[in-house]
Amino acid sequence: MALRNIEIYSQFDTDALVFVCPSCAVAFKEEYPKLFAKDDPKLLQKVIKLAHKVKDINQFLIEDIGLVSIPGARPEKITYHALVD
């Protein structure tokens, strides 16, 4: 599955790979380079290039889009699963 993800996402010219799942983002950013470190150097370059594009949705909204707050009060309790760097 990891290899298929790499092949698919490598086909697109994107500025960022945005993940809503922090665990998936960490896998793509940190685990994929380790997983393919001993494989084909060209494949490893693809993995590293993609890993540098990985962003958590919240990181993307704040850093790339410039979202600072959501208008209006929110009565709900919100839990956030932080991206592990």
N, C-alpha and C. Protein backbone atom coordinates (compact mmCIF):
# COMPACT_ATOMS: atom_id res chain seq x y z
N MET A 1 0.82 -1.19 0.00
CA MET A 1 0.00 0.00 0.00
C MET A 1 0.88 1.26 0.00
N ALA A 2 1.94 1.27 0.78
CA ALA A 2 2.83 2.43 0.83
C ALA A 2 3.41 2.73 -0.55
N LEU A 3 3.86 1.69 -1.21
CA LEU A 3 4.44 1.86 -2.54
C LEU A 3 3.40 2.40 -3.52
N ARG A 4 2.19 1.90 -3.43
CA ARG A 4 1.11 2.39 -4.31
C ARG A 4 0.82 3.86 -4.03
N ASN A 5 0.76 4.24 -2.76
CA ASN A 5 0.56 5.65 -2.41
C ASN A 5 1.64 6.53 -3.00
N ILE A 6 2.87 6.10 -2.89
CA ILE A 6 4.00 6.88 -3.42
C ILE A 6 3.88 7.04 -4.92
N GLU A 7 3.59 5.96 -5.61
CA GLU A 7 3.47 6.02 -7.07
C GLU A 7 2.32 6.93 -7.50
N ILE A 8 1.20 6.84 -6.82
CA ILE A 8 0.04 7.68 -7.19
C ILE A 8 0.32 9.15 -6.92
N TYR A 9 0.76 9.49 -5.71
CA TYR A 9 0.96 10.89 -5.35
C TYR A 9 2.14 11.52 -6.08
N SER A 10 3.09 10.73 -6.52
CA SER A 10 4.23 11.26 -7.28
C SER A 10 3.83 11.75 -8.66
N GLN A 11 2.69 11.33 -9.13
CA GLN A 11 2.23 11.72 -10.46
C GLN A 11 1.72 13.16 -10.52
N PHE A 12 1.41 13.73 -9.36
CA PHE A 12 0.79 15.05 -9.32
C PHE A 12 1.79 16.13 -8.91
N ASP A 13 1.68 17.28 -9.54
CA ASP A 13 2.52 18.42 -9.20
C ASP A 13 1.77 19.26 -8.17
N THR A 14 2.00 18.97 -6.90
CA THR A 14 1.29 19.66 -5.83
C THR A 14 2.26 20.38 -4.91
N ASP A 15 1.76 21.39 -4.24
CA ASP A 15 2.56 22.10 -3.25
C ASP A 15 2.50 21.43 -1.89
N ALA A 16 1.41 20.71 -1.63
CA ALA A 16 1.24 20.08 -0.32
C ALA A 16 0.40 18.82 -0.43
N LEU A 17 0.66 17.88 0.47
CA LEU A 17 -0.20 16.72 0.67
C LEU A 17 -0.85 16.95 2.02
N VAL A 18 -2.13 17.21 2.02
CA VAL A 18 -2.84 17.59 3.24
C VAL A 18 -3.58 16.37 3.79
N PHE A 19 -3.32 16.10 5.06
CA PHE A 19 -3.92 14.95 5.73
C PHE A 19 -4.85 15.40 6.85
N VAL A 20 -5.99 14.77 6.97
CA VAL A 20 -6.89 15.03 8.09
C VAL A 20 -6.61 14.04 9.23
N CYS A 21 -5.86 13.02 8.95
CA CYS A 21 -5.49 12.01 9.95
C CYS A 21 -4.03 12.20 10.34
N PRO A 22 -3.77 12.65 11.57
CA PRO A 22 -2.38 12.87 12.00
C PRO A 22 -1.50 11.62 11.89
N SER A 23 -2.06 10.47 12.20
CA SER A 23 -1.28 9.23 12.13
C SER A 23 -0.85 8.92 10.69
N CYS A 24 -1.73 9.17 9.76
CA CYS A 24 -1.41 8.96 8.34
C CYS A 24 -0.33 9.94 7.88
N ALA A 25 -0.43 11.17 8.34
CA ALA A 25 0.57 12.18 7.99
C ALA A 25 1.94 11.77 8.52
N VAL A 26 1.98 11.30 9.74
CA VAL A 26 3.26 10.87 10.33
C VAL A 26 3.82 9.67 9.57
N ALA A 27 2.96 8.74 9.19
CA ALA A 27 3.42 7.58 8.43
C ALA A 27 4.06 8.04 7.12
N PHE A 28 3.39 8.92 6.42
CA PHE A 28 3.89 9.41 5.13
C PHE A 28 5.17 10.22 5.31
N LYS A 29 5.20 11.04 6.33
CA LYS A 29 6.33 11.96 6.55
C LYS A 29 7.55 11.29 7.16
N GLU A 30 7.34 10.38 8.09
CA GLU A 30 8.46 9.81 8.83
C GLU A 30 8.71 8.32 8.57
N GLU A 31 7.64 7.55 8.46
CA GLU A 31 7.81 6.11 8.32
C GLU A 31 8.14 5.67 6.90
N TYR A 32 7.54 6.31 5.90
CA TYR A 32 7.82 5.93 4.52
C TYR A 32 9.31 6.10 4.19
N PRO A 33 9.95 7.22 4.54
CA PRO A 33 11.39 7.32 4.24
C PRO A 33 12.21 6.21 4.91
N LYS A 34 11.85 5.82 6.13
CA LYS A 34 12.55 4.73 6.81
C LYS A 34 12.28 3.41 6.10
N LEU A 35 11.04 3.21 5.69
CA LEU A 35 10.63 1.97 5.05
C LEU A 35 11.38 1.73 3.74
N PHE A 36 11.63 2.79 3.00
CA PHE A 36 12.26 2.65 1.68
C PHE A 36 13.71 3.11 1.65
N ALA A 37 14.33 3.29 2.80
CA ALA A 37 15.70 3.81 2.88
C ALA A 37 16.72 2.93 2.17
N LYS A 38 16.47 1.63 2.17
CA LYS A 38 17.45 0.70 1.57
C LYS A 38 17.07 0.26 0.17
N ASP A 39 15.98 0.78 -0.35
CA ASP A 39 15.53 0.40 -1.68
C ASP A 39 16.21 1.25 -2.76
N ASP A 40 15.63 1.22 -3.91
CA ASP A 40 16.09 1.96 -5.07
C ASP A 40 16.26 3.45 -4.74
N PRO A 41 17.42 4.05 -5.02
CA PRO A 41 17.65 5.47 -4.73
C PRO A 41 16.63 6.41 -5.39
N LYS A 42 16.15 6.06 -6.58
CA LYS A 42 15.15 6.89 -7.25
C LYS A 42 13.82 6.86 -6.48
N LEU A 43 13.46 5.70 -5.99
CA LEU A 43 12.25 5.58 -5.19
C LEU A 43 12.39 6.36 -3.89
N LEU A 44 13.54 6.27 -3.26
CA LEU A 44 13.77 7.01 -2.02
C LEU A 44 13.66 8.51 -2.26
N GLN A 45 14.13 8.99 -3.38
CA GLN A 45 14.02 10.43 -3.70
C GLN A 45 12.56 10.84 -3.84
N LYS A 46 11.75 9.99 -4.45
CA LYS A 46 10.31 10.27 -4.56
C LYS A 46 9.69 10.36 -3.17
N VAL A 47 10.05 9.40 -2.31
CA VAL A 47 9.51 9.36 -0.96
C VAL A 47 9.88 10.62 -0.18
N ILE A 48 11.13 11.01 -0.26
CA ILE A 48 11.60 12.21 0.46
C ILE A 48 10.92 13.46 -0.08
N LYS A 49 10.79 13.56 -1.38
CA LYS A 49 10.12 14.71 -1.98
C LYS A 49 8.67 14.82 -1.49
N LEU A 50 7.97 13.69 -1.45
CA LEU A 50 6.59 13.69 -0.96
C LEU A 50 6.54 13.98 0.53
N ALA A 51 7.46 13.44 1.30
CA ALA A 51 7.48 13.65 2.74
C ALA A 51 7.59 15.12 3.09
N HIS A 52 8.34 15.87 2.29
CA HIS A 52 8.50 17.31 2.54
C HIS A 52 7.22 18.11 2.25
N LYS A 53 6.29 17.51 1.53
CA LYS A 53 5.04 18.19 1.20
C LYS A 53 3.92 17.91 2.19
N VAL A 54 4.12 16.97 3.10
CA VAL A 54 3.08 16.54 4.03
C VAL A 54 2.73 17.64 5.02
N LYS A 55 1.42 17.89 5.16
CA LYS A 55 0.92 18.87 6.13
C LYS A 55 -0.35 18.35 6.76
N ASP A 56 -0.48 18.56 8.04
CA ASP A 56 -1.71 18.29 8.76
C ASP A 56 -2.73 19.35 8.31
N ILE A 57 -3.99 19.01 8.28
CA ILE A 57 -5.03 19.94 7.82
C ILE A 57 -4.98 21.26 8.58
N ASN A 58 -4.77 21.20 9.89
CA ASN A 58 -4.74 22.43 10.69
C ASN A 58 -3.52 23.28 10.34
N GLN A 59 -2.40 22.64 10.17
CA GLN A 59 -1.18 23.33 9.75
C GLN A 59 -1.40 24.01 8.40
N PHE A 60 -2.02 23.31 7.47
CA PHE A 60 -2.30 23.85 6.14
C PHE A 60 -3.25 25.05 6.22
N LEU A 61 -4.33 24.92 6.98
CA LEU A 61 -5.30 26.01 7.09
C LEU A 61 -4.68 27.27 7.69
N ILE A 62 -3.83 27.10 8.68
CA ILE A 62 -3.22 28.25 9.34
C ILE A 62 -2.07 28.83 8.52
N GLU A 63 -1.13 27.98 8.11
CA GLU A 63 0.09 28.46 7.43
C GLU A 63 -0.12 28.81 5.96
N ASP A 64 -0.89 28.02 5.25
CA ASP A 64 -1.03 28.22 3.81
C ASP A 64 -2.25 29.05 3.43
N ILE A 65 -3.35 28.84 4.12
CA ILE A 65 -4.59 29.54 3.80
C ILE A 65 -4.71 30.83 4.60
N GLY A 66 -4.10 30.87 5.78
CA GLY A 66 -4.16 32.07 6.61
C GLY A 66 -5.38 32.13 7.52
N LEU A 67 -6.01 31.00 7.76
CA LEU A 67 -7.16 30.96 8.64
C LEU A 67 -6.69 31.16 10.09
N VAL A 68 -7.23 32.16 10.76
CA VAL A 68 -6.85 32.43 12.14
C VAL A 68 -7.94 32.06 13.12
N SER A 69 -9.17 32.18 12.71
CA SER A 69 -10.26 31.78 13.59
C SER A 69 -11.50 31.50 12.76
N ILE A 70 -12.37 30.75 13.36
CA ILE A 70 -13.65 30.46 12.72
C ILE A 70 -14.66 31.42 13.31
N PRO A 71 -15.37 32.17 12.48
CA PRO A 71 -16.33 33.16 13.00
C PRO A 71 -17.40 32.52 13.88
N GLY A 72 -17.73 33.20 14.94
CA GLY A 72 -18.80 32.74 15.82
C GLY A 72 -18.31 31.88 16.96
N ALA A 73 -19.06 31.90 18.03
CA ALA A 73 -18.73 31.09 19.20
C ALA A 73 -19.10 29.65 18.94
N ARG A 74 -18.35 28.73 19.52
CA ARG A 74 -18.60 27.30 19.37
C ARG A 74 -18.93 26.72 20.73
N PRO A 75 -20.14 26.23 20.93
CA PRO A 75 -20.52 25.67 22.23
C PRO A 75 -19.97 24.25 22.45
N GLU A 76 -19.53 23.60 21.38
CA GLU A 76 -19.06 22.23 21.50
C GLU A 76 -17.68 22.17 22.15
N LYS A 77 -17.41 21.03 22.78
CA LYS A 77 -16.06 20.74 23.25
C LYS A 77 -15.33 20.10 22.08
N ILE A 78 -14.12 20.54 21.83
CA ILE A 78 -13.37 20.07 20.67
C ILE A 78 -12.09 19.41 21.14
N THR A 79 -11.78 18.26 20.55
CA THR A 79 -10.53 17.56 20.83
C THR A 79 -9.69 17.57 19.58
N TYR A 80 -8.43 17.80 19.75
CA TYR A 80 -7.49 17.86 18.63
C TYR A 80 -6.41 16.82 18.81
N HIS A 81 -6.17 16.01 17.79
CA HIS A 81 -5.10 15.01 17.79
C HIS A 81 -3.93 15.63 17.05
N ALA A 82 -2.93 16.06 17.79
CA ALA A 82 -1.80 16.81 17.21
C ALA A 82 -0.91 15.92 16.36
N LEU A 83 -0.36 16.52 15.31
CA LEU A 83 0.63 15.88 14.46
C LEU A 83 1.92 15.76 15.24
N VAL A 84 2.51 14.58 15.23
CA VAL A 84 3.77 14.36 15.93
C VAL A 84 4.92 14.70 14.99
N ASP A 85 5.72 15.66 15.35
CA ASP A 85 6.89 16.04 14.52
C ASP A 85 8.13 15.37 14.99
